[in-house]
Amino acid sequence: VQLVESGGGLVQAGGSLTLSCAASGRTFSSYAMGWFRQAPGKEREFVARITRSGGRTNYADSVKGRFTISRDNAKSTVFLQMNSLKPEETAVYYCAARAMDHGGSYAYWGQGTQVTVSS
């Protein structure tokens, strides 16, 4: 499956952005999806994930209550709505896909989209 993120950009602290990740190549609903991010000089970290049906979601503690992951299987797209953004959340955001809802590695990754939060 091929993944292409979009929606990144420059936003002021406290602002909002919605990232999209469009999938192609295989049946999108066969994959659980996740969002990750990597800030300069830091390791990539988990942000959020959603099951194949969209029925369950999980978030990193740092984004709970501010970020929302969702998916539209008919449009083969996963979204990440980000509110109340903080400067320290400046990073490249990646979407990823895996075959299992729980456990297993993410085998497919997008190229990433830059999110810059200004103070």
N, C-alpha and C. Protein backbone atom coordinates (compact mmCIF):
# COMPACT_ATOMS: atom_id res chain seq x y z
N VAL A 1 0.84 -1.17 0.00
CA VAL A 1 0.00 0.00 0.00
C VAL A 1 0.89 1.24 0.00
N GLN A 2 0.50 2.24 -0.76
CA GLN A 2 1.25 3.49 -0.81
C GLN A 2 0.50 4.55 -0.02
N LEU A 3 1.25 5.32 0.75
CA LEU A 3 0.66 6.33 1.63
C LEU A 3 1.22 7.71 1.30
N VAL A 4 0.34 8.69 1.21
CA VAL A 4 0.76 10.06 0.92
C VAL A 4 0.08 11.00 1.90
N GLU A 5 0.89 11.66 2.73
CA GLU A 5 0.37 12.62 3.70
C GLU A 5 0.25 14.00 3.08
N SER A 6 -0.66 14.77 3.63
CA SER A 6 -0.81 16.17 3.23
C SER A 6 -1.44 16.93 4.38
N GLY A 7 -1.44 18.25 4.25
CA GLY A 7 -2.10 19.07 5.25
C GLY A 7 -1.17 19.75 6.24
N GLY A 8 0.11 19.45 6.17
CA GLY A 8 1.05 20.12 7.06
C GLY A 8 1.21 21.58 6.70
N GLY A 9 1.91 22.29 7.57
CA GLY A 9 2.14 23.70 7.30
C GLY A 9 2.58 24.43 8.55
N LEU A 10 2.50 25.75 8.48
CA LEU A 10 2.89 26.62 9.58
C LEU A 10 1.64 27.10 10.31
N VAL A 11 1.64 26.97 11.61
CA VAL A 11 0.50 27.39 12.41
C VAL A 11 1.02 28.02 13.71
N GLN A 12 0.28 28.97 14.23
CA GLN A 12 0.66 29.57 15.50
C GLN A 12 0.29 28.65 16.65
N ALA A 13 1.01 28.81 17.74
CA ALA A 13 0.69 28.05 18.95
C ALA A 13 -0.78 28.27 19.32
N GLY A 14 -1.43 27.18 19.67
CA GLY A 14 -2.85 27.24 19.99
C GLY A 14 -3.76 27.00 18.80
N GLY A 15 -3.17 26.96 17.63
CA GLY A 15 -3.94 26.78 16.41
C GLY A 15 -4.23 25.31 16.11
N SER A 16 -4.84 25.11 14.96
CA SER A 16 -5.27 23.76 14.57
C SER A 16 -4.82 23.44 13.15
N LEU A 17 -4.63 22.17 12.91
CA LEU A 17 -4.36 21.65 11.58
C LEU A 17 -5.01 20.28 11.47
N THR A 18 -5.37 19.92 10.25
CA THR A 18 -5.84 18.56 10.00
C THR A 18 -4.95 17.94 8.93
N LEU A 19 -4.33 16.84 9.29
CA LEU A 19 -3.51 16.08 8.36
C LEU A 19 -4.35 14.99 7.71
N SER A 20 -4.02 14.70 6.47
CA SER A 20 -4.66 13.62 5.75
C SER A 20 -3.60 12.66 5.25
N CYS A 21 -3.99 11.41 5.11
CA CYS A 21 -3.10 10.40 4.56
C CYS A 21 -3.93 9.55 3.60
N ALA A 22 -3.63 9.67 2.33
CA ALA A 22 -4.36 8.93 1.31
C ALA A 22 -3.61 7.65 0.97
N ALA A 23 -4.34 6.56 0.92
CA ALA A 23 -3.75 5.25 0.64
C ALA A 23 -4.18 4.75 -0.73
N SER A 24 -3.30 4.01 -1.34
CA SER A 24 -3.62 3.39 -2.62
C SER A 24 -2.88 2.08 -2.74
N GLY A 25 -3.35 1.23 -3.61
CA GLY A 25 -2.64 0.01 -3.89
C GLY A 25 -3.33 -1.25 -3.39
N ARG A 26 -3.92 -1.19 -2.22
CA ARG A 26 -4.61 -2.36 -1.68
C ARG A 26 -5.83 -1.89 -0.90
N THR A 27 -6.64 -2.84 -0.47
CA THR A 27 -7.85 -2.49 0.26
C THR A 27 -7.52 -1.79 1.56
N PHE A 28 -7.87 -0.53 1.61
CA PHE A 28 -7.51 0.31 2.76
C PHE A 28 -8.06 -0.25 4.06
N SER A 29 -9.25 -0.78 4.02
CA SER A 29 -9.89 -1.26 5.25
C SER A 29 -9.22 -2.50 5.82
N SER A 30 -8.26 -3.05 5.11
CA SER A 30 -7.50 -4.20 5.60
C SER A 30 -6.38 -3.78 6.55
N TYR A 31 -6.16 -2.48 6.69
CA TYR A 31 -5.01 -2.00 7.45
C TYR A 31 -5.43 -1.13 8.63
N ALA A 32 -4.83 -1.43 9.76
CA ALA A 32 -4.88 -0.50 10.87
C ALA A 32 -3.90 0.62 10.57
N MET A 33 -4.21 1.81 11.02
CA MET A 33 -3.40 2.98 10.66
C MET A 33 -2.89 3.70 11.90
N GLY A 34 -1.76 4.33 11.73
CA GLY A 34 -1.18 5.09 12.83
C GLY A 34 -0.56 6.39 12.34
N TRP A 35 -0.45 7.32 13.25
CA TRP A 35 0.28 8.56 13.02
C TRP A 35 1.46 8.61 13.98
N PHE A 36 2.59 9.04 13.46
CA PHE A 36 3.81 9.19 14.23
C PHE A 36 4.40 10.55 13.90
N ARG A 37 5.35 10.99 14.70
CA ARG A 37 6.03 12.24 14.40
C ARG A 37 7.49 12.16 14.83
N GLN A 38 8.30 12.96 14.17
CA GLN A 38 9.72 13.01 14.49
C GLN A 38 10.17 14.46 14.46
N ALA A 39 10.56 14.94 15.63
CA ALA A 39 11.08 16.29 15.76
C ALA A 39 12.58 16.29 15.47
N PRO A 40 13.13 17.44 15.11
CA PRO A 40 14.57 17.51 14.83
C PRO A 40 15.40 17.02 16.00
N GLY A 41 16.30 16.12 15.73
CA GLY A 41 17.20 15.61 16.76
C GLY A 41 16.57 14.63 17.72
N LYS A 42 15.35 14.23 17.45
CA LYS A 42 14.66 13.30 18.34
C LYS A 42 14.23 12.04 17.59
N GLU A 43 13.92 11.01 18.35
CA GLU A 43 13.45 9.79 17.74
C GLU A 43 11.97 9.93 17.34
N ARG A 44 11.59 9.11 16.39
CA ARG A 44 10.19 9.10 15.99
C ARG A 44 9.33 8.58 17.13
N GLU A 45 8.18 9.19 17.32
CA GLU A 45 7.31 8.79 18.42
C GLU A 45 5.89 8.57 17.93
N PHE A 46 5.21 7.70 18.65
CA PHE A 46 3.81 7.38 18.37
C PHE A 46 2.92 8.55 18.75
N VAL A 47 1.92 8.82 17.92
CA VAL A 47 0.95 9.87 18.20
C VAL A 47 -0.44 9.29 18.40
N ALA A 48 -0.91 8.50 17.44
CA ALA A 48 -2.27 7.97 17.52
C ALA A 48 -2.41 6.78 16.58
N ARG A 49 -3.40 5.92 16.86
CA ARG A 49 -3.66 4.81 15.96
C ARG A 49 -5.16 4.53 15.94
N ILE A 50 -5.58 3.83 14.91
CA ILE A 50 -6.99 3.51 14.73
C ILE A 50 -7.09 2.13 14.11
N THR A 51 -8.08 1.36 14.56
CA THR A 51 -8.25 0.01 14.06
C THR A 51 -8.79 0.02 12.63
N ARG A 52 -8.83 -1.15 12.03
CA ARG A 52 -9.25 -1.27 10.64
C ARG A 52 -10.68 -0.78 10.41
N SER A 53 -11.53 -1.06 11.36
CA SER A 53 -12.93 -0.62 11.22
C SER A 53 -13.13 0.82 11.65
N GLY A 54 -12.15 1.36 12.36
CA GLY A 54 -12.30 2.69 12.92
C GLY A 54 -12.99 2.70 14.27
N GLY A 55 -13.25 1.52 14.79
CA GLY A 55 -14.01 1.43 16.01
C GLY A 55 -13.23 1.74 17.28
N ARG A 56 -11.92 1.63 17.21
CA ARG A 56 -11.11 1.91 18.40
C ARG A 56 -9.93 2.78 18.03
N THR A 57 -9.61 3.67 18.94
CA THR A 57 -8.48 4.57 18.76
C THR A 57 -7.64 4.60 20.03
N ASN A 58 -6.39 4.94 19.88
CA ASN A 58 -5.48 5.13 21.01
C ASN A 58 -4.60 6.33 20.73
N TYR A 59 -4.21 7.01 21.81
CA TYR A 59 -3.41 8.23 21.67
C TYR A 59 -2.24 8.23 22.65
N ALA A 60 -1.20 8.90 22.25
CA ALA A 60 -0.13 9.19 23.19
C ALA A 60 -0.71 10.13 24.26
N ASP A 61 -0.21 9.97 25.48
CA ASP A 61 -0.73 10.80 26.57
C ASP A 61 -0.58 12.29 26.27
N SER A 62 0.46 12.64 25.58
CA SER A 62 0.75 14.05 25.33
C SER A 62 -0.27 14.72 24.41
N VAL A 63 -1.04 13.94 23.66
CA VAL A 63 -1.99 14.54 22.71
C VAL A 63 -3.45 14.24 23.05
N LYS A 64 -3.68 13.43 24.07
CA LYS A 64 -5.05 13.08 24.44
C LYS A 64 -5.86 14.33 24.72
N GLY A 65 -7.06 14.35 24.16
CA GLY A 65 -7.95 15.48 24.37
C GLY A 65 -7.75 16.62 23.38
N ARG A 66 -6.65 16.57 22.63
CA ARG A 66 -6.38 17.63 21.66
C ARG A 66 -6.34 17.12 20.21
N PHE A 67 -5.90 15.88 20.03
CA PHE A 67 -5.81 15.29 18.69
C PHE A 67 -6.90 14.24 18.53
N THR A 68 -7.38 14.11 17.30
CA THR A 68 -8.37 13.09 16.98
C THR A 68 -7.99 12.40 15.68
N ILE A 69 -7.89 11.08 15.75
CA ILE A 69 -7.63 10.29 14.55
C ILE A 69 -8.95 9.72 14.07
N SER A 70 -9.12 9.70 12.75
CA SER A 70 -10.34 9.14 12.16
C SER A 70 -9.98 8.59 10.78
N ARG A 71 -10.91 7.84 10.22
CA ARG A 71 -10.65 7.29 8.90
C ARG A 71 -11.94 7.22 8.11
N ASP A 72 -11.78 7.28 6.81
CA ASP A 72 -12.89 7.12 5.88
C ASP A 72 -12.49 6.00 4.94
N ASN A 73 -12.97 4.80 5.20
CA ASN A 73 -12.55 3.65 4.40
C ASN A 73 -13.05 3.76 2.96
N ALA A 74 -14.15 4.41 2.74
CA ALA A 74 -14.65 4.59 1.38
C ALA A 74 -13.73 5.47 0.54
N LYS A 75 -13.03 6.38 1.24
CA LYS A 75 -12.11 7.29 0.54
C LYS A 75 -10.65 6.91 0.75
N SER A 76 -10.43 5.78 1.43
CA SER A 76 -9.06 5.29 1.67
C SER A 76 -8.17 6.36 2.28
N THR A 77 -8.69 7.03 3.28
CA THR A 77 -7.97 8.15 3.89
C THR A 77 -8.09 8.09 5.41
N VAL A 78 -7.00 8.41 6.06
CA VAL A 78 -6.98 8.57 7.51
C VAL A 78 -6.62 10.02 7.81
N PHE A 79 -7.20 10.54 8.88
CA PHE A 79 -7.04 11.94 9.24
C PHE A 79 -6.46 12.07 10.64
N LEU A 80 -5.83 13.19 10.87
CA LEU A 80 -5.40 13.55 12.22
C LEU A 80 -5.75 15.01 12.44
N GLN A 81 -6.79 15.23 13.24
CA GLN A 81 -7.19 16.58 13.60
C GLN A 81 -6.38 16.99 14.82
N MET A 82 -5.67 18.09 14.71
CA MET A 82 -4.79 18.54 15.79
C MET A 82 -5.23 19.92 16.26
N ASN A 83 -5.58 20.02 17.51
CA ASN A 83 -6.01 21.29 18.11
C ASN A 83 -5.03 21.71 19.21
N SER A 84 -5.07 22.98 19.53
CA SER A 84 -4.24 23.52 20.62
C SER A 84 -2.79 23.12 20.45
N LEU A 85 -2.27 23.31 19.27
CA LEU A 85 -0.91 22.89 18.98
C LEU A 85 0.12 23.69 19.76
N LYS A 86 1.21 23.02 20.09
CA LYS A 86 2.28 23.62 20.89
C LYS A 86 3.56 23.69 20.06
N PRO A 87 4.42 24.64 20.34
CA PRO A 87 5.68 24.75 19.57
C PRO A 87 6.51 23.47 19.59
N GLU A 88 6.48 22.76 20.72
CA GLU A 88 7.27 21.54 20.82
C GLU A 88 6.71 20.40 19.98
N GLU A 89 5.57 20.62 19.36
CA GLU A 89 5.00 19.62 18.47
C GLU A 89 5.41 19.83 17.01
N THR A 90 6.31 20.75 16.82
CA THR A 90 6.91 20.92 15.50
C THR A 90 7.66 19.64 15.15
N ALA A 91 7.32 19.06 14.00
CA ALA A 91 7.89 17.77 13.63
C ALA A 91 7.44 17.41 12.22
N VAL A 92 8.05 16.38 11.70
CA VAL A 92 7.52 15.74 10.50
C VAL A 92 6.55 14.66 10.97
N TYR A 93 5.35 14.70 10.45
CA TYR A 93 4.32 13.75 10.82
C TYR A 93 4.17 12.69 9.72
N TYR A 94 4.14 11.44 10.16
CA TYR A 94 4.07 10.32 9.23
C TYR A 94 2.82 9.49 9.52
N CYS A 95 2.20 9.00 8.47
CA CYS A 95 1.19 7.97 8.66
C CYS A 95 1.80 6.62 8.30
N ALA A 96 1.24 5.58 8.88
CA ALA A 96 1.76 4.24 8.68
C ALA A 96 0.62 3.23 8.72
N ALA A 97 0.84 2.10 8.08
CA ALA A 97 -0.18 1.06 8.00
C ALA A 97 0.38 -0.29 8.46
N ARG A 98 -0.48 -1.06 9.11
CA ARG A 98 -0.10 -2.43 9.48
C ARG A 98 -1.32 -3.33 9.31
N ALA A 99 -1.04 -4.62 9.18
CA ALA A 99 -2.12 -5.56 8.87
C ALA A 99 -2.98 -5.90 10.07
N MET A 100 -2.43 -5.74 11.29
CA MET A 100 -3.16 -6.17 12.47
C MET A 100 -3.63 -4.96 13.28
N ASP A 101 -4.79 -5.11 13.89
CA ASP A 101 -5.31 -4.04 14.74
C ASP A 101 -4.43 -3.84 15.97
N HIS A 102 -3.94 -4.95 16.51
CA HIS A 102 -3.16 -4.85 17.74
C HIS A 102 -1.89 -5.66 17.59
N GLY A 103 -0.77 -5.04 17.86
CA GLY A 103 0.50 -5.73 17.74
C GLY A 103 1.00 -5.74 16.30
N GLY A 104 2.20 -6.19 16.12
CA GLY A 104 2.80 -6.22 14.80
C GLY A 104 3.41 -4.88 14.45
N SER A 105 4.24 -4.90 13.46
CA SER A 105 4.93 -3.67 13.07
C SER A 105 4.20 -2.98 11.93
N TYR A 106 4.46 -1.69 11.82
CA TYR A 106 3.93 -0.93 10.70
C TYR A 106 4.85 -1.14 9.51
N ALA A 107 4.31 -1.78 8.50
CA ALA A 107 5.13 -2.16 7.36
C ALA A 107 5.20 -1.08 6.28
N TYR A 108 4.24 -0.19 6.29
CA TYR A 108 4.14 0.81 5.23
C TYR A 108 4.12 2.21 5.84
N TRP A 109 4.90 3.10 5.22
CA TRP A 109 5.04 4.45 5.73
C TRP A 109 4.91 5.46 4.60
N GLY A 110 4.36 6.61 4.93
CA GLY A 110 4.36 7.70 3.99
C GLY A 110 5.66 8.47 4.06
N GLN A 111 5.75 9.52 3.25
CA GLN A 111 6.99 10.30 3.18
C GLN A 111 7.03 11.40 4.24
N GLY A 112 5.90 11.65 4.88
CA GLY A 112 5.84 12.64 5.94
C GLY A 112 5.39 14.01 5.46
N THR A 113 4.84 14.77 6.39
CA THR A 113 4.44 16.15 6.12
C THR A 113 4.90 17.01 7.29
N GLN A 114 5.48 18.15 6.97
CA GLN A 114 6.06 19.00 8.00
C GLN A 114 4.98 19.84 8.69
N VAL A 115 5.00 19.82 9.99
CA VAL A 115 4.15 20.70 10.80
C VAL A 115 5.07 21.59 11.63
N THR A 116 4.89 22.89 11.49
CA THR A 116 5.68 23.84 12.24
C THR A 116 4.75 24.71 13.06
N VAL A 117 4.97 24.72 14.37
CA VAL A 117 4.14 25.50 15.28
C VAL A 117 4.98 26.63 15.83
N SER A 118 4.60 27.85 15.51
CA SER A 118 5.36 29.01 15.95
C SER A 118 4.85 29.51 17.30
N SER A 119 5.76 30.06 18.07
CA SER A 119 5.38 30.54 19.42
C SER A 119 5.00 32.01 19.39
